Amino acid sequence: MPIEILKKKGEIESILTEKAGKFPFTRGIYPTMYKDRLWTMRQYAGFTSAEESNQRYRYLLDQGVSGLSVAFDLPTQIGYDSDDAMAHGEVGKVGVPISSIKDMDRLFDDIPLEKVSTSMTINATAATMLALYIVSADKKGISAHHLKGTIQNDILKEYIARGTYIYPPKPSMRLVTDVFAFCADHVPQWNTISISGYHIREAGSTAAQELAFTIANGIAYVQAAIDKGLKVDEFGKRLSFFFNAHNDFLTEIAKFRAARRVWAKIMKDRFGATNEKAMLCRFHVQTGGSTLTAQQVDNNIVRTTIQALSAVLGGTQSLHTNAFDEALALPTDQSVKLALRTQQVIAHESGVAQFVDPFGGSEVMEKMTDSLEAEATSIIEEIDGMGGAVKAIENEWIQNEIAKSAYEYQQSIDSEAQKIVGVNTQIDPEDPEPSLQDIDETAIQHQIESVKSLKADRDNESVKIKLDTLLKTAKSTDNLMPAIIACVRVECTLGEVAHTLRSVFGEF
């Protein structure tokens, strides 16, 4: 029946509101979903210098993004300043280097932080990065109460799949829950964690494993927060998730639907949440980086479009679309604009935003959703039997399960049972090389020298005092966030904060 006829009969409104926005939220967390408000369009970005990254963010805002997403370089992610010998060769390679408050000030220069939602993909040093963001905003006269965004802050998946951890699990979990508690009082609009299945899937898990391992980690975080004395109906409202979107279109939609259902039931039945906002599985989606091919890179545009559409049909709250050239380098202005335009075409031209859960009710979709829920629940129960996610990580059970799945998938490609266009079928021996983004080696050296200058010119007596206070706080049970904020205010560096905590917590 044509949409025009449906509208005349008033049937669209009943379709939109019948089951969406109601426990267990399979059909969406809001009654009308994108009909009233589109998902947040984010484009993940970070370059060799804070200045260059700032230019990209402002370019993206001009092109219509509704939220920023910051990529940090490897030294920043694992607690080393740009001038540290351990950072040699990695400064600014996969994201922006942030060593001090001056770097953070440059990163968000002339960007209205009170109006823009900012997501930061950072985990082991998440508390320090949030402190830098808070202090930088405060210097502009912006209260932390007005800041909106998300800090990934998901350390468990680092042990599982990504590797950018610093400390052992127990003190790492303390840092996570300290952020929960601090933000509840001081940064109330901030999402304190983005529990991430993205990197689990990138490491080779199946869709069901991505769902199960992510939810199992979420259970561990909720339990740790409750053990700390926090109330699930309060901190639960600021939890968020981060999922991957791969090429199996219907499976991905079903996965997102199942995620909402599984999480809502866990929060209500296991943890006793009574506030429905604390039961919501609000999530960000990024299209699959590991699905991008270095061969025939233009094909990645098609892959990304399919994946982005699955995220929208699955009810995501925000979305990043990978640029087609990211299998080879950081994206260019042209490729990142095309990635953003992909979201905008879906939003404004495809018509899918007119409906809530358009595939809901389909026999295939409902069976796939039920199947993924059942498989994920079975895996979660197995993890519970081991003593929870932390135990399953420590005995490397989760890591081994992912490795098995990754091996089986690679075997399917090698045997050509799984076709990858341009890789093992429709191969083009004369595949042209695209124009790629270059790394500015001069900017890297400038960043290193600027950190050295900061350390020479600042008030080093104040730095010593604040780092000593941080050391004492780390040895106590007090919340670490105030001490970290006090450190970055006097220009302590990220590396100095991390090294101070290393001296107490050790390294994993």
Protein backbone atom coordinates (compact mmCIF):
# COMPACT_ATOMS: atom_id res chain seq x y z
CA MET A 1 0.00 0.00 0.00
CA PRO A 2 1.51 3.42 -0.94
CA ILE A 3 2.76 5.61 1.92
CA GLU A 4 0.31 8.36 0.93
CA ILE A 5 -2.65 6.03 1.55
CA LEU A 6 -1.21 4.87 4.86
CA LYS A 7 -0.86 8.49 5.96
CA LYS A 8 -4.47 9.22 5.04
CA LYS A 9 -5.68 6.34 7.15
CA GLY A 10 -3.53 7.44 10.07
CA GLU A 11 -1.91 4.02 10.21
CA ILE A 12 1.72 5.21 10.19
CA GLU A 13 1.46 6.75 13.66
CA SER A 14 0.14 3.51 15.12
CA ILE A 15 2.94 1.55 13.44
CA LEU A 16 5.52 3.96 14.85
CA THR A 17 4.28 3.93 18.43
CA GLU A 18 2.85 0.43 18.90
CA LYS A 19 5.90 -1.22 20.50
CA ALA A 20 8.88 1.12 20.19
CA GLY A 21 9.97 2.90 23.33
CA LYS A 22 8.54 0.15 25.52
CA PHE A 23 10.32 -2.57 27.51
CA PRO A 24 12.28 -4.56 26.36
CA PHE A 25 12.85 -1.96 23.58
CA THR A 26 13.43 -4.47 20.78
CA ARG A 27 11.85 -2.09 18.26
CA GLY A 28 13.71 1.01 19.47
CA ILE A 29 14.35 3.01 22.61
CA TYR A 30 12.12 5.94 21.60
CA PRO A 31 8.51 5.78 20.38
CA THR A 32 9.10 7.75 17.18
CA MET A 33 12.87 7.29 16.71
CA TYR A 34 14.22 9.28 13.73
CA LYS A 35 10.84 10.74 12.78
CA ASP A 36 11.41 13.48 15.35
CA ARG A 37 15.21 13.45 15.62
CA LEU A 38 17.88 11.86 13.44
CA TRP A 39 20.79 9.92 14.83
CA THR A 40 23.95 11.87 15.68
CA MET A 41 26.27 11.87 12.68
CA ARG A 42 29.86 11.55 13.90
CA GLN A 43 33.05 11.21 11.89
CA TYR A 44 36.00 9.80 13.81
CA ALA A 45 39.11 11.93 13.21
CA GLY A 46 42.52 12.77 14.61
CA PHE A 47 45.72 13.86 12.87
CA THR A 48 49.38 14.50 13.53
CA SER A 49 48.81 17.78 15.37
CA ALA A 50 46.06 19.33 17.46
CA GLU A 51 45.90 22.21 14.98
CA GLU A 52 45.41 19.93 11.98
CA SER A 53 42.79 17.90 13.86
CA ASN A 54 41.00 21.11 14.83
CA GLN A 55 40.83 22.09 11.17
CA ARG A 56 39.25 18.71 10.31
CA TYR A 57 36.67 19.06 13.10
CA ARG A 58 35.68 22.51 11.93
CA TYR A 59 35.51 21.24 8.35
CA LEU A 60 33.24 18.39 9.45
CA LEU A 61 30.99 20.76 11.41
CA ASP A 62 30.68 22.91 8.29
CA GLN A 63 29.75 19.79 6.32
CA GLY A 64 26.94 18.92 8.71
CA VAL A 65 28.20 16.52 11.38
CA SER A 66 26.18 16.74 14.57
CA GLY A 67 28.89 15.40 16.87
CA LEU A 68 32.68 15.16 17.01
CA SER A 69 34.65 11.95 17.52
CA VAL A 70 38.31 12.13 18.53
CA ALA A 71 40.95 9.58 17.51
CA PHE A 72 44.11 9.66 19.65
CA ASP A 73 47.55 8.41 18.73
CA LEU A 74 48.96 5.27 20.33
CA PRO A 75 51.26 6.97 22.91
CA THR A 76 48.32 9.02 24.20
CA GLN A 77 46.21 5.88 24.49
CA ILE A 78 48.80 4.07 26.63
CA GLY A 79 49.99 6.96 28.77
CA TYR A 80 53.17 8.30 27.18
CA ASP A 81 53.96 11.91 26.32
CA SER A 82 55.03 12.71 22.78
CA ASP A 83 58.62 13.33 23.93
CA ASP A 84 58.91 9.96 25.71
CA ALA A 85 61.38 7.47 24.21
CA MET A 86 58.58 4.88 24.25
CA ALA A 87 56.56 7.10 21.88
CA HIS A 88 59.27 7.21 19.22
CA GLY A 89 57.91 6.37 15.79
CA GLU A 90 54.26 6.42 16.89
CA VAL A 91 53.53 10.10 17.58
CA GLY A 92 50.59 11.28 15.49
CA LYS A 93 50.43 8.15 13.32
CA VAL A 94 46.90 6.91 14.03
CA GLY A 95 45.37 9.93 15.72
CA VAL A 96 46.06 13.18 17.49
CA PRO A 97 48.76 13.37 20.21
CA ILE A 98 47.50 14.98 23.42
CA SER A 99 50.10 15.37 26.16
CA SER A 100 48.91 18.46 28.06
CA ILE A 101 46.20 21.04 28.58
CA LYS A 102 47.81 23.18 25.89
CA ASP A 103 47.29 20.40 23.35
CA MET A 104 43.64 20.05 24.41
CA ASP A 105 43.12 23.82 24.15
CA ARG A 106 44.47 23.78 20.59
CA LEU A 107 42.40 20.73 19.68
CA PHE A 108 39.11 22.50 20.43
CA ASP A 109 40.06 26.07 19.61
CA ASP A 110 37.01 28.07 18.43
CA ILE A 111 34.70 25.07 18.85
CA PRO A 112 31.68 25.73 21.13
CA LEU A 113 31.98 22.84 23.58
CA GLU A 114 28.71 23.78 25.27
CA LYS A 115 26.89 23.16 21.96
CA VAL A 116 28.83 20.24 20.45
CA SER A 117 28.69 16.63 21.62
CA THR A 118 32.19 15.12 21.73
CA SER A 119 33.06 11.43 21.76
CA MET A 120 36.58 10.37 22.74
CA THR A 121 37.91 6.91 21.92
CA ILE A 122 40.24 6.52 24.89
CA ASN A 123 40.34 3.88 27.60
CA ALA A 124 43.39 3.38 29.83
CA THR A 125 43.90 7.16 30.05
CA ALA A 126 40.19 8.04 29.81
CA ALA A 127 40.03 9.71 33.22
CA THR A 128 42.94 12.02 32.33
CA MET A 129 41.50 12.88 28.93
CA LEU A 130 38.15 13.74 30.49
CA ALA A 131 39.96 15.89 33.05
CA LEU A 132 41.76 17.75 30.24
CA TYR A 133 38.45 18.30 28.43
CA ILE A 134 36.78 19.63 31.60
CA VAL A 135 39.65 22.01 32.37
CA SER A 136 39.87 23.23 28.78
CA ALA A 137 36.13 23.98 28.78
CA ASP A 138 36.42 25.70 32.15
CA LYS A 139 39.13 28.01 30.76
CA LYS A 140 36.55 29.08 28.14
CA GLY A 141 33.99 29.77 30.87
CA ILE A 142 31.98 26.61 30.13
CA SER A 143 30.73 24.69 33.16
CA ALA A 144 31.20 20.92 33.26
CA HIS A 145 27.44 20.71 33.85
CA HIS A 146 26.92 21.86 30.25
CA LEU A 147 29.32 19.41 28.60
CA LYS A 148 27.83 16.67 26.44
CA GLY A 149 29.59 13.65 25.03
CA THR A 150 31.00 10.23 25.68
CA ILE A 151 34.30 8.88 26.95
CA GLN A 152 34.87 5.29 25.82
CA ASN A 153 36.41 4.28 29.16
CA ASP A 154 35.95 0.57 28.39
CA ILE A 155 39.11 -1.10 29.65
CA LEU A 156 37.90 -4.70 29.63
CA LYS A 157 37.73 -4.93 25.85
CA GLU A 158 41.33 -3.66 25.75
CA TYR A 159 42.45 -6.83 27.54
CA ILE A 160 40.25 -8.85 25.18
CA ALA A 161 40.92 -7.40 21.78
CA ARG A 162 42.70 -4.08 21.40
CA GLY A 163 45.68 -4.03 23.75
CA THR A 164 45.87 -0.37 24.84
CA TYR A 165 45.75 -1.12 28.55
CA ILE A 166 48.24 0.09 31.18
CA TYR A 167 47.26 -1.14 34.64
CA PRO A 168 45.97 -4.50 35.92
CA PRO A 169 42.19 -5.07 35.79
CA LYS A 170 41.36 -4.18 39.41
CA PRO A 171 42.84 -0.63 39.51
CA SER A 172 41.62 -0.12 35.94
CA MET A 173 38.08 -0.88 37.07
CA ARG A 174 38.55 1.58 39.91
CA LEU A 175 39.35 4.32 37.40
CA VAL A 176 36.23 3.43 35.40
CA THR A 177 33.90 3.61 38.39
CA ASP A 178 35.59 6.76 39.73
CA VAL A 179 34.58 8.41 36.43
CA PHE A 180 31.00 7.12 36.93
CA ALA A 181 30.80 8.61 40.41
CA PHE A 182 32.46 11.92 39.55
CA CYS A 183 30.34 12.58 36.48
CA ALA A 184 27.11 11.80 38.31
CA ASP A 185 27.76 14.87 40.49
CA HIS A 186 29.80 17.15 38.23
CA VAL A 187 29.24 16.26 34.54
CA PRO A 188 25.64 15.01 34.56
CA GLN A 189 25.08 15.09 30.78
CA TRP A 190 28.19 13.03 30.02
CA ASN A 191 28.03 9.36 28.98
CA THR A 192 30.59 7.83 31.31
CA ILE A 193 31.36 4.71 29.29
CA SER A 194 30.87 3.35 25.81
CA ILE A 195 30.91 -0.40 26.33
CA SER A 196 32.47 -1.53 23.12
CA GLY A 197 31.87 -4.56 20.97
CA TYR A 198 33.41 -2.81 17.99
CA HIS A 199 36.99 -3.90 18.66
CA ILE A 200 35.87 -7.38 19.68
CA ARG A 201 34.30 -7.78 16.24
CA GLU A 202 37.35 -6.26 14.55
CA ALA A 203 39.48 -8.91 16.28
CA GLY A 204 37.45 -11.62 14.58
CA SER A 205 34.42 -12.48 16.71
CA THR A 206 31.07 -13.49 15.29
CA ALA A 207 28.05 -11.21 15.62
CA ALA A 208 26.70 -13.30 18.51
CA GLN A 209 30.07 -13.22 20.29
CA GLU A 210 30.32 -9.45 19.81
CA LEU A 211 26.92 -9.10 21.45
CA ALA A 212 27.62 -11.56 24.28
CA PHE A 213 31.12 -10.41 25.21
CA THR A 214 30.05 -6.74 25.14
CA ILE A 215 27.06 -7.38 27.37
CA ALA A 216 29.19 -9.52 29.72
CA ASN A 217 31.61 -6.63 30.08
CA GLY A 218 28.65 -4.34 30.74
CA ILE A 219 27.52 -6.65 33.52
CA ALA A 220 30.99 -6.44 35.10
CA TYR A 221 30.94 -2.62 35.01
CA VAL A 222 27.47 -2.42 36.53
CA GLN A 223 28.39 -4.83 39.31
CA ALA A 224 31.61 -2.90 40.03
CA ALA A 225 29.66 0.34 40.27
CA ILE A 226 27.08 -1.23 42.60
CA ASP A 227 29.87 -2.64 44.76
CA LYS A 228 31.24 0.89 44.99
CA GLY A 229 27.91 2.04 46.42
CA LEU A 230 26.48 3.67 43.29
CA LYS A 231 22.78 3.33 42.48
CA VAL A 232 21.93 1.47 39.29
CA ASP A 233 18.98 3.74 38.47
CA GLU A 234 21.32 6.73 38.50
CA PHE A 235 24.59 5.66 36.84
CA GLY A 236 22.70 3.28 34.56
CA LYS A 237 21.21 6.22 32.68
CA ARG A 238 24.66 7.33 31.49
CA LEU A 239 25.89 3.98 30.20
CA SER A 240 26.18 3.61 26.44
CA PHE A 241 27.39 0.98 23.98
CA PHE A 242 29.47 0.88 20.80
CA PHE A 243 28.83 -1.78 18.17
CA ASN A 244 30.25 -2.75 14.81
CA ALA A 245 28.34 -3.05 11.53
CA HIS A 246 29.59 -5.65 9.07
CA ASN A 247 28.35 -6.77 5.68
CA ASP A 248 25.77 -9.40 6.65
CA PHE A 249 22.92 -6.91 6.41
CA LEU A 250 20.06 -8.77 8.09
CA THR A 251 22.27 -10.27 10.81
CA GLU A 252 23.49 -6.83 11.81
CA ILE A 253 19.96 -5.40 12.08
CA ALA A 254 18.92 -8.39 14.19
CA LYS A 255 22.00 -7.97 16.40
CA PHE A 256 21.10 -4.38 17.25
CA ARG A 257 17.50 -5.35 18.03
CA ALA A 258 18.66 -8.25 20.22
CA ALA A 259 21.16 -6.02 22.05
CA ARG A 260 18.38 -3.74 23.32
CA ARG A 261 16.28 -6.68 24.48
CA VAL A 262 19.11 -8.52 26.23
CA TRP A 263 20.41 -5.44 28.04
CA ALA A 264 16.96 -4.27 29.19
CA LYS A 265 16.21 -7.68 30.69
CA ILE A 266 19.59 -7.83 32.45
CA MET A 267 19.26 -4.36 33.96
CA LYS A 268 15.71 -5.04 35.14
CA ASP A 269 15.89 -8.69 36.22
CA ARG A 270 19.51 -9.08 37.37
CA PHE A 271 20.24 -5.63 38.76
CA GLY A 272 16.78 -4.50 39.79
CA ALA A 273 16.66 -1.28 37.80
CA THR A 274 13.26 0.40 37.99
CA ASN A 275 14.03 3.53 35.98
CA GLU A 276 13.44 2.68 32.32
CA LYS A 277 16.21 5.08 31.26
CA ALA A 278 18.67 2.84 33.09
CA MET A 279 17.43 -0.13 31.05
CA LEU A 280 18.06 1.46 27.66
CA CYS A 281 20.82 0.10 25.44
CA ARG A 282 21.81 3.37 23.78
CA PHE A 283 24.52 2.75 21.25
CA HIS A 284 26.88 4.21 18.68
CA VAL A 285 27.77 2.23 15.55
CA GLN A 286 30.87 2.40 13.38
CA THR A 287 31.03 0.61 10.07
CA GLY A 288 33.49 -2.26 9.94
CA GLY A 289 37.10 -1.22 9.53
CA SER A 290 38.23 -4.80 9.04
CA THR A 291 35.82 -5.19 6.12
CA LEU A 292 37.57 -2.45 4.15
CA THR A 293 39.86 -3.81 1.46
CA ALA A 294 43.10 -2.33 0.16
CA GLN A 295 42.21 -3.78 -3.24
CA GLN A 296 39.64 -1.89 -5.34
CA VAL A 297 39.06 0.66 -2.60
CA ASP A 298 36.01 2.15 -4.34
CA ASN A 299 34.15 -1.04 -3.43
CA ASN A 300 34.43 0.08 0.20
CA ILE A 301 31.90 2.84 -0.52
CA VAL A 302 29.30 0.16 -1.24
CA ARG A 303 30.25 -1.87 1.84
CA THR A 304 30.04 1.18 4.09
CA THR A 305 26.63 2.13 2.69
CA ILE A 306 25.21 -1.34 3.38
CA GLN A 307 26.65 -1.32 6.90
CA ALA A 308 25.43 2.21 7.68
CA LEU A 309 21.95 1.34 6.50
CA SER A 310 21.88 -1.72 8.78
CA ALA A 311 22.79 0.51 11.73
CA VAL A 312 19.98 2.94 10.95
CA LEU A 313 17.43 0.16 10.40
CA GLY A 314 18.70 -1.36 13.67
CA GLY A 315 18.00 1.86 15.60
CA THR A 316 21.41 3.36 16.37
CA GLN A 317 21.71 6.63 18.33
CA SER A 318 24.87 7.77 16.54
CA LEU A 319 26.88 6.60 13.57
CA HIS A 320 30.35 6.86 12.04
CA THR A 321 30.84 5.82 8.43
CA ASN A 322 34.36 4.78 7.47
CA ALA A 323 36.02 6.47 4.52
CA PHE A 324 36.77 4.23 1.54
CA ASP A 325 40.56 4.81 1.72
CA GLU A 326 41.03 3.92 5.41
CA ALA A 327 42.47 0.49 4.61
CA LEU A 328 45.51 2.39 3.33
CA ALA A 329 45.80 5.64 5.33
CA LEU A 330 44.02 8.26 7.39
CA PRO A 331 41.14 9.60 5.27
CA THR A 332 41.40 12.68 3.06
CA ASP A 333 38.95 15.59 3.18
CA GLN A 334 37.28 14.25 0.07
CA SER A 335 36.87 10.68 1.33
CA VAL A 336 35.61 11.72 4.76
CA LYS A 337 33.08 14.08 3.17
CA LEU A 338 31.80 11.24 1.00
CA ALA A 339 31.50 9.05 4.10
CA LEU A 340 29.44 11.74 5.82
CA ARG A 341 27.33 12.29 2.69
CA THR A 342 26.51 8.56 2.81
CA GLN A 343 24.80 9.11 6.16
CA GLN A 344 23.06 12.23 4.92
CA VAL A 345 21.67 10.50 1.82
CA ILE A 346 20.33 7.67 3.99
CA ALA A 347 18.79 10.22 6.37
CA HIS A 348 17.22 12.56 3.86
CA GLU A 349 16.66 10.59 0.66
CA SER A 350 16.13 6.91 1.42
CA GLY A 351 12.86 7.28 3.35
CA VAL A 352 13.88 4.77 6.03
CA ALA A 353 13.87 7.43 8.76
CA GLN A 354 10.10 7.74 8.31
CA PHE A 355 9.54 4.45 10.12
CA VAL A 356 10.49 2.86 13.42
CA ASP A 357 12.06 -0.61 13.06
CA PRO A 358 10.88 -1.13 9.46
CA PHE A 359 11.92 -4.81 9.48
CA GLY A 360 10.09 -5.51 12.74
CA GLY A 361 7.43 -8.15 12.30
CA SER A 362 9.24 -9.79 9.41
CA GLU A 363 9.34 -13.54 10.01
CA VAL A 364 13.01 -13.68 9.01
CA MET A 365 13.99 -10.69 11.18
CA GLU A 366 12.12 -11.88 14.27
CA LYS A 367 13.64 -15.37 14.02
CA MET A 368 17.13 -13.96 13.55
CA THR A 369 16.68 -11.62 16.53
CA ASP A 370 15.45 -14.48 18.73
CA SER A 371 18.33 -16.68 17.58
CA LEU A 372 20.99 -14.05 18.34
CA GLU A 373 19.43 -13.35 21.73
CA ALA A 374 19.47 -17.05 22.59
CA GLU A 375 23.05 -17.58 21.43
CA ALA A 376 24.33 -14.47 23.22
CA THR A 377 22.47 -15.38 26.40
CA SER A 378 24.00 -18.87 26.36
CA ILE A 379 27.51 -17.39 26.06
CA ILE A 380 26.82 -14.89 28.87
CA GLU A 381 25.64 -17.75 31.11
CA GLU A 382 28.88 -19.61 30.34
CA ILE A 383 30.88 -16.52 31.35
CA ASP A 384 28.81 -16.19 34.52
CA GLY A 385 29.79 -19.78 35.33
CA MET A 386 33.47 -18.79 35.18
CA GLY A 387 32.91 -15.97 37.66
CA GLY A 388 32.18 -13.15 35.21
CA ALA A 389 33.91 -11.25 32.42
CA VAL A 390 37.03 -10.29 34.38
CA LYS A 391 37.73 -13.94 35.26
CA ALA A 392 37.01 -15.02 31.69
CA ILE A 393 39.49 -12.41 30.46
CA GLU A 394 42.14 -13.35 33.02
CA ASN A 395 41.99 -17.02 32.01
CA GLU A 396 41.96 -15.93 28.34
CA TRP A 397 38.80 -17.85 27.50
CA ILE A 398 37.21 -14.90 25.68
CA GLN A 399 40.40 -14.15 23.75
CA ASN A 400 40.68 -17.78 22.66
CA GLU A 401 37.06 -17.91 21.50
CA ILE A 402 37.62 -14.83 19.35
CA ALA A 403 40.84 -16.30 17.94
CA LYS A 404 39.00 -19.46 16.92
CA SER A 405 36.30 -17.47 15.15
CA ALA A 406 38.86 -15.25 13.40
CA TYR A 407 40.75 -18.33 12.19
CA GLU A 408 37.60 -19.97 10.87
CA TYR A 409 36.59 -16.80 9.03
CA GLN A 410 40.02 -16.45 7.43
CA GLN A 411 39.85 -20.09 6.35
CA SER A 412 36.52 -19.38 4.65
CA ILE A 413 38.13 -16.53 2.69
CA ASP A 414 41.20 -18.57 1.77
CA SER A 415 39.00 -21.43 0.52
CA GLU A 416 36.78 -18.90 -1.30
CA ALA A 417 33.71 -20.16 0.54
CA GLN A 418 33.34 -16.51 1.60
CA LYS A 419 33.58 -14.24 -1.43
CA ILE A 420 35.28 -10.86 -1.00
CA VAL A 421 34.94 -8.80 -4.16
CA GLY A 422 38.34 -7.62 -5.37
CA VAL A 423 40.21 -9.93 -2.98
CA ASN A 424 39.34 -13.53 -3.92
CA THR A 425 36.85 -12.88 -6.72
CA GLN A 426 36.58 -10.26 -9.50
CA ILE A 427 40.27 -9.47 -9.01
CA ASP A 428 41.65 -6.53 -10.97
CA PRO A 429 45.45 -6.81 -11.51
CA GLU A 430 45.63 -3.15 -12.56
CA ASP A 431 43.96 -1.66 -9.49
CA PRO A 432 44.88 2.07 -9.45
CA GLU A 433 46.24 3.63 -6.26
CA PRO A 434 44.13 6.44 -4.77
CA SER A 435 45.50 9.76 -3.57
CA LEU A 436 46.17 9.33 0.15
CA GLN A 437 46.54 11.49 3.24
CA ASP A 438 50.20 12.11 4.16
CA ILE A 439 51.68 12.22 7.66
CA ASP A 440 53.39 15.56 8.31
CA GLU A 441 56.78 14.65 9.82
CA THR A 442 57.47 18.33 10.58
CA ALA A 443 54.33 18.49 12.70
CA ILE A 444 55.49 15.43 14.65
CA GLN A 445 58.77 17.10 15.54
CA HIS A 446 56.96 20.31 16.47
CA GLN A 447 54.68 18.35 18.81
CA ILE A 448 57.66 16.71 20.54
CA GLU A 449 59.45 20.03 20.97
CA SER A 450 56.31 21.72 22.31
CA VAL A 451 56.01 19.11 25.09
CA LYS A 452 59.64 19.63 26.03
CA SER A 453 59.13 23.40 26.13
CA LEU A 454 56.05 23.06 28.32
CA LYS A 455 57.96 20.99 30.86
CA ALA A 456 60.78 23.53 30.94
CA ASP A 457 58.63 26.67 31.21
CA ARG A 458 55.80 25.72 33.60
CA ASP A 459 55.72 26.01 37.41
CA ASN A 460 57.39 22.70 38.19
CA GLU A 461 57.03 23.12 41.95
CA SER A 462 53.23 23.17 41.56
CA VAL A 463 53.49 20.16 39.27
CA LYS A 464 55.41 18.21 41.93
CA ILE A 465 52.89 19.12 44.65
CA LYS A 466 49.88 17.99 42.58
CA LEU A 467 51.56 14.77 41.46
CA ASP A 468 52.41 13.97 45.10
CA THR A 469 48.76 14.49 45.99
CA LEU A 470 47.74 12.18 43.15
CA LEU A 471 50.17 9.56 44.45
CA LYS A 472 48.61 9.70 47.94
CA THR A 473 45.10 9.55 46.47
CA ALA A 474 45.99 6.49 44.39
CA LYS A 475 47.18 4.75 47.58
CA SER A 476 43.84 5.56 49.26
CA THR A 477 40.28 4.68 48.23
CA ASP A 478 39.31 8.26 47.38
CA ASN A 479 37.98 9.20 43.95
CA LEU A 480 40.90 9.92 41.64
CA MET A 481 39.17 12.40 39.33
CA PRO A 482 39.58 15.55 41.50
CA ALA A 483 43.30 14.85 41.94
CA ILE A 484 43.77 14.25 38.19
CA ILE A 485 41.90 17.48 37.37
CA ALA A 486 44.11 19.38 39.83
CA CYS A 487 47.18 17.94 38.09
CA VAL A 488 46.22 18.95 34.56
CA ARG A 489 45.25 22.45 35.75
CA VAL A 490 48.88 23.13 36.68
CA GLU A 491 50.11 21.62 33.38
CA CYS A 492 51.05 18.14 34.53
CA THR A 493 51.23 16.00 31.42
CA LEU A 494 49.25 12.90 30.58
CA GLY A 495 52.44 10.84 30.80
CA GLU A 496 53.28 12.19 34.26
CA VAL A 497 49.80 11.31 35.54
CA ALA A 498 50.05 7.82 34.02
CA HIS A 499 53.54 7.21 35.43
CA THR A 500 52.38 8.30 38.90
CA LEU A 501 49.52 5.80 38.76
CA ARG A 502 51.88 3.12 37.39
CA SER A 503 54.04 3.53 40.47
CA VAL A 504 51.07 2.52 42.63
CA PHE A 505 49.04 0.20 40.41
CA GLY A 506 51.80 -1.47 38.41
CA GLU A 507 51.46 -2.53 34.79
CA PHE A 508 49.54 -5.41 33.24
